[in-house]
């Protein structure tokens, strides 16, 4: 009788041990759904990435650029179209700032700070309203559907999603947080100190452009990303800060001044995922930025 009882205990212990080992061997599993609009290769790589990341300890952070990465930028950045519409409606509002901006590259660090300084003295709520109004009128159909689906997929897999943009934070925060279902605090852009609810002329550093985007991730997110996506040379340092997957959308084949190869060539050579998403000017787009203020037109992607 004792022998039978001992065998029963031993049998139960073996079953329990096998169950524990099964749980350990399986580990956490990833959720994957193919992203419509992405290539088969990209979807395979995303599936593998999610499987690898499932057992990651601690925070899982994914960072995305804004303009040209998650939302269309042809023919103009929303930030420019919104700002120059405000300048056209209020010609006496900071004409000196507008004169300084017009000859500059609109991806330069000086230019993106001047965008914020144009709104110095305005309330944050006012600038948020301008951005949301511009989005609803001209950009609501320019959200990139594959990127919306990718962000939703990352969130299902426990990722914190952040958008790091060189556009004014107050202008972009309402519609980006709403459209992608992320906290408003997870939208990082160019900003100044706010005092009494109003925008001041004291810039908050780092300015998230070029190397400043990587520094913004380090300063405001304080975690190395597992995933990073952008669309231009200005995103390279942020993309390369990813210790997991790196992606670029509609990269330019043009070799920029001071560079030895295009960002598209650089991305392919370094094994980044490269995807093309249609980005064309919508019918009836006012294009105030170029027609009235001479700002360069962004390239179309068909």
Foldseek 3Di string as FASTA:
>chain_A
DVVVVVVVVVVVVVVVVVVVVVCVVVDFAADADAQPQADPVVSVQVRVLLRVCLPPPDAAAEEEEDDQTFFDAFFHRLLLVLQLVVCVVPVVQPVVLLVVQQVDACQDLVNLLSSLVSQFPPFLVVLCVSLVVSCVVFTVVGGFRSVLVVLVSVVRSRHQYAYEYQHELSSPLPVVCVSNVHDSLRYHYWAADADPRGGHSHTDDDHCWALRVLVCCCPRVVDQHQHYEYAENRCVNNQVSHPHAGEYEPFDQDADPPGDGGPVVVCVVVVHHYGYTFHYGDPPDPPCSCPPRNHGTDDGTD
